[in-house]
């Protein structure tokens, strides 16, 4: 079996970190029991390639879902599989710049949506992107990459944003 990633579900204390090579580093050395689960879908693989190409971004489980963080602290993207909500849609949620959520939803409401905020207001200004092609929507992966990169720009220091811009200019 070819596994692109083996993720761990926490049963005790501790936080797993997964890499695309299937190697798992344990962030915490506190005693924990771990249960392996294969985590790989075509949509997740695409998000992985976009997010992990950004400087100092890593992947780990957060609330049971694959998520991408800057320096393992600041979230840039939460991946939600079809089992996350009752609508059975595959999506990502990312922090959005001011006004970004409204602009993207107005541009294509079949693809972009406002995630439900938590009781403390988290996710209020975030943008959701459907990654499956249901209900007449189509995925433009360049737009998805732009959303993830915009989220990175919100949390990364200016030095790394400049590095990212330099790398993008070289590619063009």
C-alpha atoms as a PDB file:
ATOM      1  CA  UNK A   1       0.000   0.000   0.000  1.00  0.00           C
ATOM      2  CA  UNK A   2       1.392   3.420  -0.957  1.00  0.00           C
ATOM      3  CA  UNK A   3       0.612   5.894   1.815  1.00  0.00           C
ATOM      4  CA  UNK A   4       1.268   9.576   1.306  1.00  0.00           C
ATOM      5  CA  UNK A   5       0.832  10.273   4.993  1.00  0.00           C
ATOM      6  CA  UNK A   6       0.200   8.378   8.175  1.00  0.00           C
ATOM      7  CA  UNK A   7      -1.443  10.594  10.768  1.00  0.00           C
ATOM      8  CA  UNK A   8      -1.938   9.794  14.401  1.00  0.00           C
ATOM      9  CA  UNK A   9      -5.068  10.334  16.414  1.00  0.00           C
ATOM     10  CA  UNK A  10      -4.405  11.362  20.001  1.00  0.00           C
ATOM     11  CA  UNK A  11      -5.828   9.030  22.607  1.00  0.00           C
ATOM     12  CA  UNK A  12      -3.780  10.414  25.497  1.00  0.00           C
ATOM     13  CA  UNK A  13      -1.805  13.666  25.813  1.00  0.00           C
ATOM     14  CA  UNK A  14       0.489  14.959  23.098  1.00  0.00           C
ATOM     15  CA  UNK A  15       0.333  16.364  19.582  1.00  0.00           C
ATOM     16  CA  UNK A  16       1.366  14.429  16.460  1.00  0.00           C
ATOM     17  CA  UNK A  17       3.129  15.998  13.515  1.00  0.00           C
ATOM     18  CA  UNK A  18       2.923  14.283  10.149  1.00  0.00           C
ATOM     19  CA  UNK A  19       4.980  14.769   7.017  1.00  0.00           C
ATOM     20  CA  UNK A  20       4.264  13.811   3.430  1.00  0.00           C
ATOM     21  CA  UNK A  21       7.014  11.186   3.641  1.00  0.00           C
ATOM     22  CA  UNK A  22       4.939   9.295   6.165  1.00  0.00           C
ATOM     23  CA  UNK A  23       7.430  10.026   8.954  1.00  0.00           C
ATOM     24  CA  UNK A  24       5.841  11.107  12.185  1.00  0.00           C
ATOM     25  CA  UNK A  25       7.529  13.245  14.816  1.00  0.00           C
ATOM     26  CA  UNK A  26       5.880  13.507  18.197  1.00  0.00           C
ATOM     27  CA  UNK A  27       5.682  17.102  19.392  1.00  0.00           C
ATOM     28  CA  UNK A  28       5.198  16.102  23.009  1.00  0.00           C
ATOM     29  CA  UNK A  29       7.041  13.418  24.908  1.00  0.00           C
ATOM     30  CA  UNK A  30       4.311  13.104  27.523  1.00  0.00           C
ATOM     31  CA  UNK A  31       2.954   9.572  27.819  1.00  0.00           C
ATOM     32  CA  UNK A  32       0.312   8.944  25.184  1.00  0.00           C
ATOM     33  CA  UNK A  33      -1.351   6.135  23.324  1.00  0.00           C
ATOM     34  CA  UNK A  34      -1.492   6.639  19.574  1.00  0.00           C
ATOM     35  CA  UNK A  35      -3.743   5.074  16.986  1.00  0.00           C
ATOM     36  CA  UNK A  36      -2.592   5.210  13.352  1.00  0.00           C
ATOM     37  CA  UNK A  37      -5.029   6.303  10.669  1.00  0.00           C
ATOM     38  CA  UNK A  38      -4.372   6.765   6.959  1.00  0.00           C
ATOM     39  CA  UNK A  39      -5.119  10.336   5.909  1.00  0.00           C
ATOM     40  CA  UNK A  40      -4.973  10.936   2.183  1.00  0.00           C
ATOM     41  CA  UNK A  41      -7.393  12.227  -0.435  1.00  0.00           C
ATOM     42  CA  UNK A  42      -6.697  13.920  -3.775  1.00  0.00           C
ATOM     43  CA  UNK A  43      -7.899  17.254  -2.339  1.00  0.00           C
ATOM     44  CA  UNK A  44      -5.762  16.920   0.788  1.00  0.00           C
ATOM     45  CA  UNK A  45      -2.739  15.989  -1.304  1.00  0.00           C
ATOM     46  CA  UNK A  46      -3.194  19.187  -3.374  1.00  0.00           C
ATOM     47  CA  UNK A  47      -3.580  21.334  -0.234  1.00  0.00           C
ATOM     48  CA  UNK A  48      -0.509  19.652   1.257  1.00  0.00           C
ATOM     49  CA  UNK A  49       1.585  20.509  -1.796  1.00  0.00           C
ATOM     50  CA  UNK A  50       0.428  24.149  -1.672  1.00  0.00           C
ATOM     51  CA  UNK A  51       0.770  24.712   2.086  1.00  0.00           C
ATOM     52  CA  UNK A  52       3.990  22.775   2.708  1.00  0.00           C
ATOM     53  CA  UNK A  53       5.716  24.689  -0.109  1.00  0.00           C
ATOM     54  CA  UNK A  54       5.439  27.836   2.030  1.00  0.00           C
ATOM     55  CA  UNK A  55       8.387  28.691   4.313  1.00  0.00           C
ATOM     56  CA  UNK A  56       8.235  27.229   7.829  1.00  0.00           C
ATOM     57  CA  UNK A  57       4.770  25.711   7.419  1.00  0.00           C
ATOM     58  CA  UNK A  58       4.082  22.312   8.949  1.00  0.00           C
ATOM     59  CA  UNK A  59       1.160  19.942   9.121  1.00  0.00           C
ATOM     60  CA  UNK A  60      -0.392  18.453  12.217  1.00  0.00           C
ATOM     61  CA  UNK A  61      -3.777  17.304  13.373  1.00  0.00           C
ATOM     62  CA  UNK A  62      -5.955  19.887  15.050  1.00  0.00           C
ATOM     63  CA  UNK A  63      -9.314  18.837  16.441  1.00  0.00           C
ATOM     64  CA  UNK A  64      -8.893  15.557  14.567  1.00  0.00           C
ATOM     65  CA  UNK A  65      -8.391  17.140  11.130  1.00  0.00           C
ATOM     66  CA  UNK A  66      -5.238  17.740   9.057  1.00  0.00           C
ATOM     67  CA  UNK A  67      -4.228  21.366   9.523  1.00  0.00           C
ATOM     68  CA  UNK A  68      -1.354  23.581   8.433  1.00  0.00           C
ATOM     69  CA  UNK A  69       0.446  25.988  10.735  1.00  0.00           C
ATOM     70  CA  UNK A  70       3.167  28.587  10.518  1.00  0.00           C
ATOM     71  CA  UNK A  71       5.935  27.518  12.919  1.00  0.00           C
ATOM     72  CA  UNK A  72       3.516  25.008  14.478  1.00  0.00           C
ATOM     73  CA  UNK A  73       1.551  27.800  16.162  1.00  0.00           C
ATOM     74  CA  UNK A  74      -0.350  30.133  13.834  1.00  0.00           C
ATOM     75  CA  UNK A  75      -2.978  28.399  11.669  1.00  0.00           C
ATOM     76  CA  UNK A  76      -3.035  29.065   7.946  1.00  0.00           C
ATOM     77  CA  UNK A  77      -5.403  26.312   6.830  1.00  0.00           C
ATOM     78  CA  UNK A  78      -7.759  23.725   8.301  1.00  0.00           C
ATOM     79  CA  UNK A  79      -8.757  20.869   6.001  1.00  0.00           C
ATOM     80  CA  UNK A  80     -12.234  19.413   6.424  1.00  0.00           C
ATOM     81  CA  UNK A  81     -13.084  16.122   4.758  1.00  0.00           C
ATOM     82  CA  UNK A  82     -16.549  15.107   3.657  1.00  0.00           C
ATOM     83  CA  UNK A  83     -17.224  13.719   7.139  1.00  0.00           C
ATOM     84  CA  UNK A  84     -16.835  17.110   8.865  1.00  0.00           C
ATOM     85  CA  UNK A  85     -20.281  18.611   8.375  1.00  0.00           C
ATOM     86  CA  UNK A  86     -23.697  17.330   7.462  1.00  0.00           C
ATOM     87  CA  UNK A  87     -23.358  18.744   3.929  1.00  0.00           C
ATOM     88  CA  UNK A  88     -20.640  16.156   3.166  1.00  0.00           C
ATOM     89  CA  UNK A  89     -18.496  18.757   1.382  1.00  0.00           C
ATOM     90  CA  UNK A  90     -14.689  18.819   1.298  1.00  0.00           C
ATOM     91  CA  UNK A  91     -13.334  22.250   2.203  1.00  0.00           C
ATOM     92  CA  UNK A  92     -10.587  24.331   3.741  1.00  0.00           C
ATOM     93  CA  UNK A  93     -10.928  27.230   6.143  1.00  0.00           C
ATOM     94  CA  UNK A  94      -8.248  29.957   6.117  1.00  0.00           C
ATOM     95  CA  UNK A  95      -7.778  33.344   7.770  1.00  0.00           C
ATOM     96  CA  UNK A  96      -8.698  36.069   5.281  1.00  0.00           C
ATOM     97  CA  UNK A  97      -7.462  39.643   4.994  1.00  0.00           C
ATOM     98  CA  UNK A  98      -9.946  42.396   5.889  1.00  0.00           C
ATOM     99  CA  UNK A  99     -12.737  42.455   3.318  1.00  0.00           C
ATOM    100  CA  UNK A 100     -11.435  39.276   1.664  1.00  0.00           C
ATOM    101  CA  UNK A 101     -14.246  37.045   2.856  1.00  0.00           C
ATOM    102  CA  UNK A 102     -17.000  39.268   1.446  1.00  0.00           C
ATOM    103  CA  UNK A 103     -15.151  39.842  -1.840  1.00  0.00           C
ATOM    104  CA  UNK A 104     -14.529  36.149  -2.519  1.00  0.00           C
ATOM    105  CA  UNK A 105     -18.057  35.069  -1.589  1.00  0.00           C
ATOM    106  CA  UNK A 106     -19.488  37.757  -3.896  1.00  0.00           C
ATOM    107  CA  UNK A 107     -17.160  36.542  -6.675  1.00  0.00           C
ATOM    108  CA  UNK A 108     -18.235  32.877  -6.513  1.00  0.00           C
ATOM    109  CA  UNK A 109     -20.696  31.796  -3.782  1.00  0.00           C
ATOM    110  CA  UNK A 110     -20.658  28.202  -5.087  1.00  0.00           C
ATOM    111  CA  UNK A 111     -16.966  27.887  -4.161  1.00  0.00           C
ATOM    112  CA  UNK A 112     -16.390  30.392  -1.326  1.00  0.00           C
ATOM    113  CA  UNK A 113     -18.316  30.587   1.957  1.00  0.00           C
ATOM    114  CA  UNK A 114     -18.174  32.077   5.449  1.00  0.00           C
ATOM    115  CA  UNK A 115     -17.275  29.376   7.996  1.00  0.00           C
ATOM    116  CA  UNK A 116     -19.449  29.185  11.082  1.00  0.00           C
ATOM    117  CA  UNK A 117     -17.708  31.190  13.829  1.00  0.00           C
ATOM    118  CA  UNK A 118     -17.021  29.583  17.178  1.00  0.00           C
ATOM    119  CA  UNK A 119     -18.728  30.960  20.278  1.00  0.00           C
ATOM    120  CA  UNK A 120     -15.606  33.050  20.948  1.00  0.00           C
ATOM    121  CA  UNK A 121     -15.667  34.538  17.435  1.00  0.00           C
ATOM    122  CA  UNK A 122     -12.845  32.475  15.946  1.00  0.00           C
ATOM    123  CA  UNK A 123     -13.374  31.963  12.181  1.00  0.00           C
ATOM    124  CA  UNK A 124     -15.556  35.109  11.966  1.00  0.00           C
ATOM    125  CA  UNK A 125     -13.301  36.704   9.330  1.00  0.00           C
ATOM    126  CA  UNK A 126     -12.052  33.479   7.760  1.00  0.00           C
ATOM    127  CA  UNK A 127     -12.836  32.221   4.267  1.00  0.00           C
ATOM    128  CA  UNK A 128     -14.041  28.739   3.430  1.00  0.00           C
ATOM    129  CA  UNK A 129     -13.314  27.146   0.049  1.00  0.00           C
ATOM    130  CA  UNK A 130     -15.140  24.081  -1.236  1.00  0.00           C
ATOM    131  CA  UNK A 131     -12.647  21.685  -2.843  1.00  0.00           C
ATOM    132  CA  UNK A 132     -15.105  19.223  -4.313  1.00  0.00           C
ATOM    133  CA  UNK A 133     -17.108  19.873  -7.442  1.00  0.00           C
ATOM    134  CA  UNK A 134     -20.663  19.556  -6.191  1.00  0.00           C
ATOM    135  CA  UNK A 135     -23.684  21.778  -6.760  1.00  0.00           C
ATOM    136  CA  UNK A 136     -22.249  23.148 -10.010  1.00  0.00           C
ATOM    137  CA  UNK A 137     -19.017  24.459  -8.497  1.00  0.00           C
ATOM    138  CA  UNK A 138     -15.596  24.021 -10.081  1.00  0.00           C
ATOM    139  CA  UNK A 139     -12.278  24.312  -8.276  1.00  0.00           C
ATOM    140  CA  UNK A 140      -9.645  26.699  -9.579  1.00  0.00           C
ATOM    141  CA  UNK A 141      -6.517  25.476  -7.789  1.00  0.00           C
ATOM    142  CA  UNK A 142      -4.699  28.748  -8.524  1.00  0.00           C
ATOM    143  CA  UNK A 143      -7.414  30.541  -6.537  1.00  0.00           C
ATOM    144  CA  UNK A 144      -7.056  27.979  -3.742  1.00  0.00           C
ATOM    145  CA  UNK A 145      -3.278  28.572  -3.678  1.00  0.00           C
ATOM    146  CA  UNK A 146      -3.895  32.344  -3.506  1.00  0.00           C
ATOM    147  CA  UNK A 147      -6.229  31.903  -0.510  1.00  0.00           C
ATOM    148  CA  UNK A 148      -3.646  29.770   1.336  1.00  0.00           C
ATOM    149  CA  UNK A 149      -0.836  32.215   0.488  1.00  0.00           C
ATOM    150  CA  UNK A 150      -2.952  35.166   1.674  1.00  0.00           C
ATOM    151  CA  UNK A 151      -3.490  33.331   4.982  1.00  0.00           C
ATOM    152  CA  UNK A 152       0.276  32.786   5.225  1.00  0.00           C
ATOM    153  CA  UNK A 153       0.867  36.518   4.655  1.00  0.00           C
ATOM    154  CA  UNK A 154      -1.438  37.319   7.595  1.00  0.00           C
ATOM    155  CA  UNK A 155       0.616  35.310  10.095  1.00  0.00           C
ATOM    156  CA  UNK A 156       4.207  35.226   8.777  1.00  0.00           C
ATOM    157  CA  UNK A 157       6.824  37.903   9.514  1.00  0.00           C
ATOM    158  CA  UNK A 158       7.659  40.379   6.741  1.00  0.00           C
ATOM    159  CA  UNK A 159      11.053  38.755   6.145  1.00  0.00           C
ATOM    160  CA  UNK A 160       9.436  35.467   5.103  1.00  0.00           C
ATOM    161  CA  UNK A 161       6.768  37.223   3.042  1.00  0.00           C
ATOM    162  CA  UNK A 162       9.572  38.988   1.157  1.00  0.00           C
ATOM    163  CA  UNK A 163      11.267  35.608   0.655  1.00  0.00           C
ATOM    164  CA  UNK A 164       8.021  34.181  -0.724  1.00  0.00           C
ATOM    165  CA  UNK A 165       7.568  37.136  -3.104  1.00  0.00           C
ATOM    166  CA  UNK A 166      11.171  36.763  -4.325  1.00  0.00           C
ATOM    167  CA  UNK A 167      10.631  33.076  -4.992  1.00  0.00           C
ATOM    168  CA  UNK A 168       7.409  33.785  -6.905  1.00  0.00           C
ATOM    169  CA  UNK A 169       9.119  36.497  -9.003  1.00  0.00           C
ATOM    170  CA  UNK A 170      11.865  34.003  -9.930  1.00  0.00           C
ATOM    171  CA  UNK A 171       9.265  31.474 -11.076  1.00  0.00           C
ATOM    172  CA  UNK A 172       7.665  33.970 -13.480  1.00  0.00           C
END
